[in-house]
């Protein structure tokens, strides 16, 4: 199992360019239109060069995020869990 740590929380308009392809891919999977004010969390997957994208308005609670990450064989570290909980 991989550990997911917070890479950052950004508004789409302020998103660093390096994360753009990951966000576009996630939006396509979720069949979602992205607006400039969407809050997006980027999780870095430890031991890989991969990132997991979370559109924060799509979740009602941290359990939904945990479930999504479990499907990706990842688990959120404690600090990230607390930060994300504060943004939901």
PDB file of N, CA and C in Angstrom:
ATOM      1  N   UNK A   1       0.839  -1.184   0.000  1.00  0.00           N
ATOM      2  CA  UNK A   1       0.000   0.000   0.000  1.00  0.00           C
ATOM      3  C   UNK A   1       0.879   1.241   0.000  1.00  0.00           C
ATOM      4  N   UNK A   2       0.489   2.217  -0.806  1.00  0.00           N
ATOM      5  CA  UNK A   2       1.212   3.471  -0.923  1.00  0.00           C
ATOM      6  C   UNK A   2       0.660   4.490   0.068  1.00  0.00           C
ATOM      7  N   UNK A   3       1.478   5.462   0.435  1.00  0.00           N
ATOM      8  CA  UNK A   3       1.055   6.540   1.323  1.00  0.00           C
ATOM      9  C   UNK A   3       0.871   7.804   0.489  1.00  0.00           C
ATOM     10  N   UNK A   4      -0.270   8.461   0.690  1.00  0.00           N
ATOM     11  CA  UNK A   4      -0.572   9.709  -0.012  1.00  0.00           C
ATOM     12  C   UNK A   4      -0.342  10.877   0.933  1.00  0.00           C
ATOM     13  N   UNK A   5       0.492  11.818   0.516  1.00  0.00           N
ATOM     14  CA  UNK A   5       0.748  13.020   1.308  1.00  0.00           C
ATOM     15  C   UNK A   5       0.322  14.241   0.504  1.00  0.00           C
ATOM     16  N   UNK A   6      -0.070  15.269   1.201  1.00  0.00           N
ATOM     17  CA  UNK A   6      -0.590  16.458   0.544  1.00  0.00           C
ATOM     18  C   UNK A   6       0.518  17.211  -0.186  1.00  0.00           C
ATOM     19  N   UNK A   7       0.328  17.392  -1.483  1.00  0.00           N
ATOM     20  CA  UNK A   7       1.252  18.196  -2.277  1.00  0.00           C
ATOM     21  C   UNK A   7       0.831  19.647  -2.282  1.00  0.00           C
ATOM     22  N   UNK A   8      -0.464  19.878  -2.076  1.00  0.00           N
ATOM     23  CA  UNK A   8      -0.982  21.240  -2.016  1.00  0.00           C
ATOM     24  C   UNK A   8      -2.465  21.283  -2.305  1.00  0.00           C
ATOM     25  N   UNK A   9      -3.080  22.384  -1.884  1.00  0.00           N
ATOM     26  CA  UNK A   9      -4.479  22.656  -2.207  1.00  0.00           C
ATOM     27  C   UNK A   9      -4.486  23.971  -2.970  1.00  0.00           C
ATOM     28  N   UNK A  10      -5.080  23.948  -4.145  1.00  0.00           N
ATOM     29  CA  UNK A  10      -5.028  25.092  -5.043  1.00  0.00           C
ATOM     30  C   UNK A  10      -6.402  25.387  -5.620  1.00  0.00           C
ATOM     31  N   UNK A  11      -6.638  26.648  -5.962  1.00  0.00           N
ATOM     32  CA  UNK A  11      -7.731  26.992  -6.861  1.00  0.00           C
ATOM     33  C   UNK A  11      -7.227  26.613  -8.253  1.00  0.00           C
ATOM     34  N   UNK A  12      -8.118  26.198  -9.141  1.00  0.00           N
ATOM     35  CA  UNK A  12      -7.685  25.774 -10.465  1.00  0.00           C
ATOM     36  C   UNK A  12      -6.876  26.862 -11.165  1.00  0.00           C
ATOM     37  N   UNK A  13      -7.309  28.114 -11.015  1.00  0.00           N
ATOM     38  CA  UNK A  13      -6.603  29.212 -11.692  1.00  0.00           C
ATOM     39  C   UNK A  13      -5.176  29.398 -11.179  1.00  0.00           C
ATOM     40  N   UNK A  14      -4.876  28.912  -9.955  1.00  0.00           N
ATOM     41  CA  UNK A  14      -3.549  29.052  -9.358  1.00  0.00           C
ATOM     42  C   UNK A  14      -2.742  27.755  -9.392  1.00  0.00           C
ATOM     43  N   UNK A  15      -3.262  26.750 -10.060  1.00  0.00           N
ATOM     44  CA  UNK A  15      -2.632  25.433 -10.090  1.00  0.00           C
ATOM     45  C   UNK A  15      -1.278  25.478 -10.798  1.00  0.00           C
ATOM     46  N   UNK A  16      -0.217  24.949 -10.172  1.00  0.00           N
ATOM     47  CA  UNK A  16       1.065  24.871 -10.875  1.00  0.00           C
ATOM     48  C   UNK A  16       0.933  24.036 -12.145  1.00  0.00           C
ATOM     49  N   UNK A  17       1.608  24.471 -13.186  1.00  0.00           N
ATOM     50  CA  UNK A  17       1.500  23.864 -14.509  1.00  0.00           C
ATOM     51  C   UNK A  17       1.783  22.362 -14.499  1.00  0.00           C
ATOM     52  N   UNK A  18       2.696  21.920 -13.646  1.00  0.00           N
ATOM     53  CA  UNK A  18       3.082  20.500 -13.623  1.00  0.00           C
ATOM     54  C   UNK A  18       1.925  19.571 -13.263  1.00  0.00           C
ATOM     55  N   UNK A  19       0.905  20.095 -12.560  1.00  0.00           N
ATOM     56  CA  UNK A  19      -0.231  19.271 -12.159  1.00  0.00           C
ATOM     57  C   UNK A  19      -1.364  19.284 -13.177  1.00  0.00           C
ATOM     58  N   UNK A  20      -1.280  20.158 -14.170  1.00  0.00           N
ATOM     59  CA  UNK A  20      -2.350  20.308 -15.157  1.00  0.00           C
ATOM     60  C   UNK A  20      -2.795  19.013 -15.809  1.00  0.00           C
ATOM     61  N   UNK A  21      -1.871  18.190 -16.320  1.00  0.00           N
ATOM     62  CA  UNK A  21      -2.304  16.942 -16.968  1.00  0.00           C
ATOM     63  C   UNK A  21      -3.039  15.994 -16.016  1.00  0.00           C
ATOM     64  N   UNK A  22      -2.632  15.953 -14.751  1.00  0.00           N
ATOM     65  CA  UNK A  22      -3.295  15.086 -13.776  1.00  0.00           C
ATOM     66  C   UNK A  22      -4.724  15.573 -13.509  1.00  0.00           C
ATOM     67  N   UNK A  23      -4.881  16.891 -13.408  1.00  0.00           N
ATOM     68  CA  UNK A  23      -6.203  17.470 -13.154  1.00  0.00           C
ATOM     69  C   UNK A  23      -7.115  17.259 -14.360  1.00  0.00           C
ATOM     70  N   UNK A  24      -6.587  17.459 -15.550  1.00  0.00           N
ATOM     71  CA  UNK A  24      -7.393  17.252 -16.758  1.00  0.00           C
ATOM     72  C   UNK A  24      -7.831  15.792 -16.870  1.00  0.00           C
ATOM     73  N   UNK A  25      -6.924  14.879 -16.562  1.00  0.00           N
ATOM     74  CA  UNK A  25      -7.246  13.455 -16.616  1.00  0.00           C
ATOM     75  C   UNK A  25      -8.355  13.107 -15.626  1.00  0.00           C
ATOM     76  N   UNK A  26      -8.234  13.609 -14.390  1.00  0.00           N
ATOM     77  CA  UNK A  26      -9.245  13.338 -13.358  1.00  0.00           C
ATOM     78  C   UNK A  26     -10.593  13.947 -13.758  1.00  0.00           C
ATOM     79  N   UNK A  27     -10.574  15.137 -14.338  1.00  0.00           N
ATOM     80  CA  UNK A  27     -11.817  15.783 -14.778  1.00  0.00           C
ATOM     81  C   UNK A  27     -12.494  14.960 -15.871  1.00  0.00           C
ATOM     82  N   UNK A  28     -11.700  14.393 -16.753  1.00  0.00           N
ATOM     83  CA  UNK A  28     -12.251  13.551 -17.813  1.00  0.00           C
ATOM     84  C   UNK A  28     -12.891  12.298 -17.224  1.00  0.00           C
ATOM     85  N   UNK A  29     -12.203  11.659 -16.291  1.00  0.00           N
ATOM     86  CA  UNK A  29     -12.735  10.456 -15.641  1.00  0.00           C
ATOM     87  C   UNK A  29     -14.048  10.771 -14.920  1.00  0.00           C
ATOM     88  N   UNK A  30     -14.079  11.916 -14.226  1.00  0.00           N
ATOM     89  CA  UNK A  30     -15.265  12.313 -13.453  1.00  0.00           C
ATOM     90  C   UNK A  30     -16.333  12.986 -14.314  1.00  0.00           C
ATOM     91  N   UNK A  31     -16.043  13.153 -15.623  1.00  0.00           N
ATOM     92  CA  UNK A  31     -16.969  13.837 -16.525  1.00  0.00           C
ATOM     93  C   UNK A  31     -17.349  15.204 -15.949  1.00  0.00           C
ATOM     94  N   UNK A  32     -16.327  15.987 -15.683  1.00  0.00           N
ATOM     95  CA  UNK A  32     -16.493  17.235 -14.952  1.00  0.00           C
ATOM     96  C   UNK A  32     -15.933  18.412 -15.741  1.00  0.00           C
ATOM     97  N   UNK A  33     -16.654  19.526 -15.677  1.00  0.00           N
ATOM     98  CA  UNK A  33     -16.154  20.796 -16.199  1.00  0.00           C
ATOM     99  C   UNK A  33     -15.396  21.477 -15.065  1.00  0.00           C
ATOM    100  N   UNK A  34     -14.233  22.023 -15.353  1.00  0.00           N
ATOM    101  CA  UNK A  34     -13.422  22.679 -14.327  1.00  0.00           C
ATOM    102  C   UNK A  34     -13.633  24.182 -14.419  1.00  0.00           C
ATOM    103  N   UNK A  35     -13.868  24.807 -13.259  1.00  0.00           N
ATOM    104  CA  UNK A  35     -13.954  26.269 -13.226  1.00  0.00           C
ATOM    105  C   UNK A  35     -12.731  26.813 -12.482  1.00  0.00           C
ATOM    106  N   UNK A  36     -12.424  28.072 -12.717  1.00  0.00           N
ATOM    107  CA  UNK A  36     -11.232  28.688 -12.117  1.00  0.00           C
ATOM    108  C   UNK A  36     -11.235  28.648 -10.597  1.00  0.00           C
ATOM    109  N   UNK A  37     -12.414  28.644  -9.978  1.00  0.00           N
ATOM    110  CA  UNK A  37     -12.495  28.682  -8.521  1.00  0.00           C
ATOM    111  C   UNK A  37     -12.604  27.309  -7.858  1.00  0.00           C
ATOM    112  N   UNK A  38     -12.554  26.227  -8.637  1.00  0.00           N
ATOM    113  CA  UNK A  38     -12.583  24.880  -8.055  1.00  0.00           C
ATOM    114  C   UNK A  38     -11.377  24.681  -7.149  1.00  0.00           C
ATOM    115  N   UNK A  39     -11.625  24.186  -5.932  1.00  0.00           N
ATOM    116  CA  UNK A  39     -10.536  23.848  -5.014  1.00  0.00           C
ATOM    117  C   UNK A  39     -10.091  22.425  -5.285  1.00  0.00           C
ATOM    118  N   UNK A  40      -8.806  22.275  -5.527  1.00  0.00           N
ATOM    119  CA  UNK A  40      -8.246  20.989  -5.919  1.00  0.00           C
ATOM    120  C   UNK A  40      -7.111  20.629  -4.972  1.00  0.00           C
ATOM    121  N   UNK A  41      -7.181  19.416  -4.413  1.00  0.00           N
ATOM    122  CA  UNK A  41      -6.086  18.910  -3.589  1.00  0.00           C
ATOM    123  C   UNK A  41      -5.254  17.963  -4.447  1.00  0.00           C
ATOM    124  N   UNK A  42      -3.958  18.127  -4.364  1.00  0.00           N
ATOM    125  CA  UNK A  42      -3.029  17.242  -5.055  1.00  0.00           C
ATOM    126  C   UNK A  42      -2.338  16.384  -4.004  1.00  0.00           C
ATOM    127  N   UNK A  43      -2.489  15.077  -4.131  1.00  0.00           N
ATOM    128  CA  UNK A  43      -1.831  14.149  -3.218  1.00  0.00           C
ATOM    129  C   UNK A  43      -0.656  13.502  -3.943  1.00  0.00           C
ATOM    130  N   UNK A  44       0.503  13.555  -3.318  1.00  0.00           N
ATOM    131  CA  UNK A  44       1.684  12.890  -3.864  1.00  0.00           C
ATOM    132  C   UNK A  44       1.690  11.460  -3.345  1.00  0.00           C
ATOM    133  N   UNK A  45       1.879  10.518  -4.240  1.00  0.00           N
ATOM    134  CA  UNK A  45       1.894   9.112  -3.871  1.00  0.00           C
ATOM    135  C   UNK A  45       3.351   8.706  -3.622  1.00  0.00           C
ATOM    136  N   UNK A  46       3.672   8.462  -2.349  1.00  0.00           N
ATOM    137  CA  UNK A  46       5.033   8.160  -1.933  1.00  0.00           C
ATOM    138  C   UNK A  46       5.592   6.946  -2.674  1.00  0.00           C
ATOM    139  N   UNK A  47       6.831   7.080  -3.115  1.00  0.00           N
ATOM    140  CA  UNK A  47       7.492   5.979  -3.805  1.00  0.00           C
ATOM    141  C   UNK A  47       7.207   5.933  -5.293  1.00  0.00           C
ATOM    142  N   UNK A  48       6.424   6.907  -5.791  1.00  0.00           N
ATOM    143  CA  UNK A  48       6.108   6.973  -7.218  1.00  0.00           C
ATOM    144  C   UNK A  48       6.260   8.420  -7.688  1.00  0.00           C
ATOM    145  N   UNK A  49       6.133   8.623  -8.971  1.00  0.00           N
ATOM    146  CA  UNK A  49       6.095   9.977  -9.535  1.00  0.00           C
ATOM    147  C   UNK A  49       4.659  10.395  -9.811  1.00  0.00           C
ATOM    148  N   UNK A  50       3.711   9.685  -9.217  1.00  0.00           N
ATOM    149  CA  UNK A  50       2.298   9.896  -9.503  1.00  0.00           C
ATOM    150  C   UNK A  50       1.647  10.835  -8.483  1.00  0.00           C
ATOM    151  N   UNK A  51       0.550  11.412  -8.906  1.00  0.00           N
ATOM    152  CA  UNK A  51      -0.248  12.295  -8.056  1.00  0.00           C
ATOM    153  C   UNK A  51      -1.705  11.862  -8.157  1.00  0.00           C
ATOM    154  N   UNK A  52      -2.435  12.055  -7.070  1.00  0.00           N
ATOM    155  CA  UNK A  52      -3.869  11.778  -7.071  1.00  0.00           C
ATOM    156  C   UNK A  52      -4.584  13.110  -6.896  1.00  0.00           C
ATOM    157  N   UNK A  53      -5.566  13.367  -7.726  1.00  0.00           N
ATOM    158  CA  UNK A  53      -6.280  14.643  -7.740  1.00  0.00           C
ATOM    159  C   UNK A  53      -7.625  14.483  -7.049  1.00  0.00           C
ATOM    160  N   UNK A  54      -7.946  15.452  -6.182  1.00  0.00           N
ATOM    161  CA  UNK A  54      -9.244  15.477  -5.515  1.00  0.00           C
ATOM    162  C   UNK A  54      -9.909  16.828  -5.771  1.00  0.00           C
ATOM    163  N   UNK A  55     -11.075  16.812  -6.405  1.00  0.00           N
ATOM    164  CA  UNK A  55     -11.890  18.018  -6.507  1.00  0.00           C
ATOM    165  C   UNK A  55     -12.680  18.078  -5.193  1.00  0.00           C
ATOM    166  N   UNK A  56     -12.294  18.977  -4.307  1.00  0.00           N
ATOM    167  CA  UNK A  56     -12.796  18.930  -2.934  1.00  0.00           C
ATOM    168  C   UNK A  56     -14.307  19.097  -2.815  1.00  0.00           C
ATOM    169  N   UNK A  57     -14.939  19.794  -3.749  1.00  0.00           N
ATOM    170  CA  UNK A  57     -16.388  19.958  -3.654  1.00  0.00           C
ATOM    171  C   UNK A  57     -17.153  18.677  -3.989  1.00  0.00           C
ATOM    172  N   UNK A  58     -16.441  17.652  -4.443  1.00  0.00           N
ATOM    173  CA  UNK A  58     -17.087  16.384  -4.805  1.00  0.00           C
ATOM    174  C   UNK A  58     -17.237  15.437  -3.605  1.00  0.00           C
ATOM    175  N   UNK A  59     -16.731  15.846  -2.451  1.00  0.00           N
ATOM    176  CA  UNK A  59     -16.733  14.967  -1.274  1.00  0.00           C
ATOM    177  C   UNK A  59     -17.487  15.620  -0.120  1.00  0.00           C
ATOM    178  N   UNK A  60     -18.262  14.793   0.589  1.00  0.00           N
ATOM    179  CA  UNK A  60     -18.993  15.274   1.759  1.00  0.00           C
ATOM    180  C   UNK A  60     -18.214  15.027   3.047  1.00  0.00           C
ATOM    181  N   UNK A  61     -17.327  14.018   3.015  1.00  0.00           N
ATOM    182  CA  UNK A  61     -16.569  13.684   4.220  1.00  0.00           C
ATOM    183  C   UNK A  61     -15.275  12.963   3.849  1.00  0.00           C
ATOM    184  N   UNK A  62     -14.410  12.830   4.817  1.00  0.00           N
ATOM    185  CA  UNK A  62     -13.096  12.235   4.598  1.00  0.00           C
ATOM    186  C   UNK A  62     -13.196  10.741   4.270  1.00  0.00           C
ATOM    187  N   UNK A  63     -14.257  10.089   4.721  1.00  0.00           N
ATOM    188  CA  UNK A  63     -14.437   8.659   4.435  1.00  0.00           C
ATOM    189  C   UNK A  63     -14.554   8.396   2.934  1.00  0.00           C
ATOM    190  N   UNK A  64     -15.186   9.303   2.213  1.00  0.00           N
ATOM    191  CA  UNK A  64     -15.314   9.148   0.762  1.00  0.00           C
ATOM    192  C   UNK A  64     -13.937   9.212   0.093  1.00  0.00           C
ATOM    193  N   UNK A  65     -13.081  10.094   0.589  1.00  0.00           N
ATOM    194  CA  UNK A  65     -11.725  10.198   0.048  1.00  0.00           C
ATOM    195  C   UNK A  65     -10.936   8.942   0.388  1.00  0.00           C
ATOM    196  N   UNK A  66     -11.048   8.479   1.624  1.00  0.00           N
ATOM    197  CA  UNK A  66     -10.354   7.251   2.032  1.00  0.00           C
ATOM    198  C   UNK A  66     -10.763   6.072   1.155  1.00  0.00           C
ATOM    199  N   UNK A  67     -12.038   5.988   0.841  1.00  0.00           N
ATOM    200  CA  UNK A  67     -12.548   4.886   0.008  1.00  0.00           C
ATOM    201  C   UNK A  67     -11.976   4.965  -1.407  1.00  0.00           C
ATOM    202  N   UNK A  68     -11.936   6.160  -1.958  1.00  0.00           N
ATOM    203  CA  UNK A  68     -11.379   6.342  -3.308  1.00  0.00           C
ATOM    204  C   UNK A  68      -9.898   5.954  -3.334  1.00  0.00           C
ATOM    205  N   UNK A  69      -9.170   6.339  -2.320  1.00  0.00           N
ATOM    206  CA  UNK A  69      -7.740   6.025  -2.285  1.00  0.00           C
ATOM    207  C   UNK A  69      -7.490   4.542  -2.045  1.00  0.00           C
ATOM    208  N   UNK A  70      -8.381   3.913  -1.288  1.00  0.00           N
ATOM    209  CA  UNK A  70      -8.240   2.467  -1.059  1.00  0.00           C
ATOM    210  C   UNK A  70      -8.286   1.716  -2.388  1.00  0.00           C
ATOM    211  N   UNK A  71      -9.149   2.171  -3.297  1.00  0.00           N
ATOM    212  CA  UNK A  71      -9.240   1.556  -4.621  1.00  0.00           C
ATOM    213  C   UNK A  71      -7.947   1.733  -5.412  1.00  0.00           C
ATOM    214  N   UNK A  72      -7.186   2.793  -5.081  1.00  0.00           N
ATOM    215  CA  UNK A  72      -5.902   3.045  -5.748  1.00  0.00           C
ATOM    216  C   UNK A  72      -4.741   2.462  -4.950  1.00  0.00           C
ATOM    217  N   UNK A  73      -5.062   1.639  -3.948  1.00  0.00           N
ATOM    218  CA  UNK A  73      -4.050   1.006  -3.093  1.00  0.00           C
ATOM    219  C   UNK A  73      -3.192   2.045  -2.383  1.00  0.00           C
ATOM    220  N   UNK A  74      -3.851   3.102  -1.885  1.00  0.00           N
ATOM    221  CA  UNK A  74      -3.142   4.165  -1.169  1.00  0.00           C
ATOM    222  C   UNK A  74      -3.889   4.516   0.114  1.00  0.00           C
ATOM    223  N   UNK A  75      -3.158   5.106   1.034  1.00  0.00           N
ATOM    224  CA  UNK A  75      -3.717   5.532   2.314  1.00  0.00           C
ATOM    225  C   UNK A  75      -3.170   6.923   2.621  1.00  0.00           C
ATOM    226  N   UNK A  76      -4.028   7.798   3.151  1.00  0.00           N
ATOM    227  CA  UNK A  76      -3.627   9.172   3.465  1.00  0.00           C
ATOM    228  C   UNK A  76      -2.880   9.194   4.793  1.00  0.00           C
ATOM    229  N   UNK A  77      -1.781   9.966   4.837  1.00  0.00           N
ATOM    230  CA  UNK A  77      -1.083  10.101   6.111  1.00  0.00           C
ATOM    231  C   UNK A  77      -1.907  10.984   7.061  1.00  0.00           C
ATOM    232  N   UNK A  78      -1.597  10.917   8.339  1.00  0.00           N
ATOM    233  CA  UNK A  78      -2.403  11.559   9.383  1.00  0.00           C
ATOM    234  C   UNK A  78      -2.497  13.077   9.201  1.00  0.00           C
ATOM    235  N   UNK A  79      -1.394  13.725   8.922  1.00  0.00           N
ATOM    236  CA  UNK A  79      -1.388  15.182   8.773  1.00  0.00           C
ATOM    237  C   UNK A  79      -2.264  15.606   7.600  1.00  0.00           C
ATOM    238  N   UNK A  80      -2.132  14.917   6.484  1.00  0.00           N
ATOM    239  CA  UNK A  80      -2.942  15.217   5.305  1.00  0.00           C
ATOM    240  C   UNK A  80      -4.417  15.009   5.596  1.00  0.00           C
ATOM    241  N   UNK A  81      -4.726  13.974   6.327  1.00  0.00           N
ATOM    242  CA  UNK A  81      -6.103  13.657   6.705  1.00  0.00           C
ATOM    243  C   UNK A  81      -6.728  14.832   7.462  1.00  0.00           C
ATOM    244  N   UNK A  82      -5.997  15.386   8.412  1.00  0.00           N
ATOM    245  CA  UNK A  82      -6.494  16.509   9.217  1.00  0.00           C
ATOM    246  C   UNK A  82      -6.691  17.763   8.362  1.00  0.00           C
ATOM    247  N   UNK A  83      -5.744  18.034   7.481  1.00  0.00           N
ATOM    248  CA  UNK A  83      -5.838  19.220   6.622  1.00  0.00           C
ATOM    249  C   UNK A  83      -7.037  19.100   5.685  1.00  0.00           C
ATOM    250  N   UNK A  84      -7.186  17.949   5.035  1.00  0.00           N
ATOM    251  CA  UNK A  84      -8.305  17.748   4.114  1.00  0.00           C
ATOM    252  C   UNK A  84      -9.633  17.824   4.840  1.00  0.00           C
ATOM    253  N   UNK A  85      -9.689  17.270   6.054  1.00  0.00           N
ATOM    254  CA  UNK A  85     -10.915  17.330   6.845  1.00  0.00           C
ATOM    255  C   UNK A  85     -11.343  18.767   7.104  1.00  0.00           C
ATOM    256  N   UNK A  86     -10.375  19.640   7.275  1.00  0.00           N
ATOM    257  CA  UNK A  86     -10.680  21.058   7.501  1.00  0.00           C
ATOM    258  C   UNK A  86     -11.178  21.771   6.263  1.00  0.00           C
ATOM    259  N   UNK A  87     -10.933  21.223   5.096  1.00  0.00           N
ATOM    260  CA  UNK A  87     -11.370  21.845   3.849  1.00  0.00           C
ATOM    261  C   UNK A  87     -12.698  21.302   3.335  1.00  0.00           C
ATOM    262  N   UNK A  88     -13.208  20.262   3.961  1.00  0.00           N
ATOM    263  CA  UNK A  88     -14.487  19.684   3.501  1.00  0.00           C
ATOM    264  C   UNK A  88     -15.648  20.329   4.207  1.00  0.00           C
TER     265      UNK A  88
END
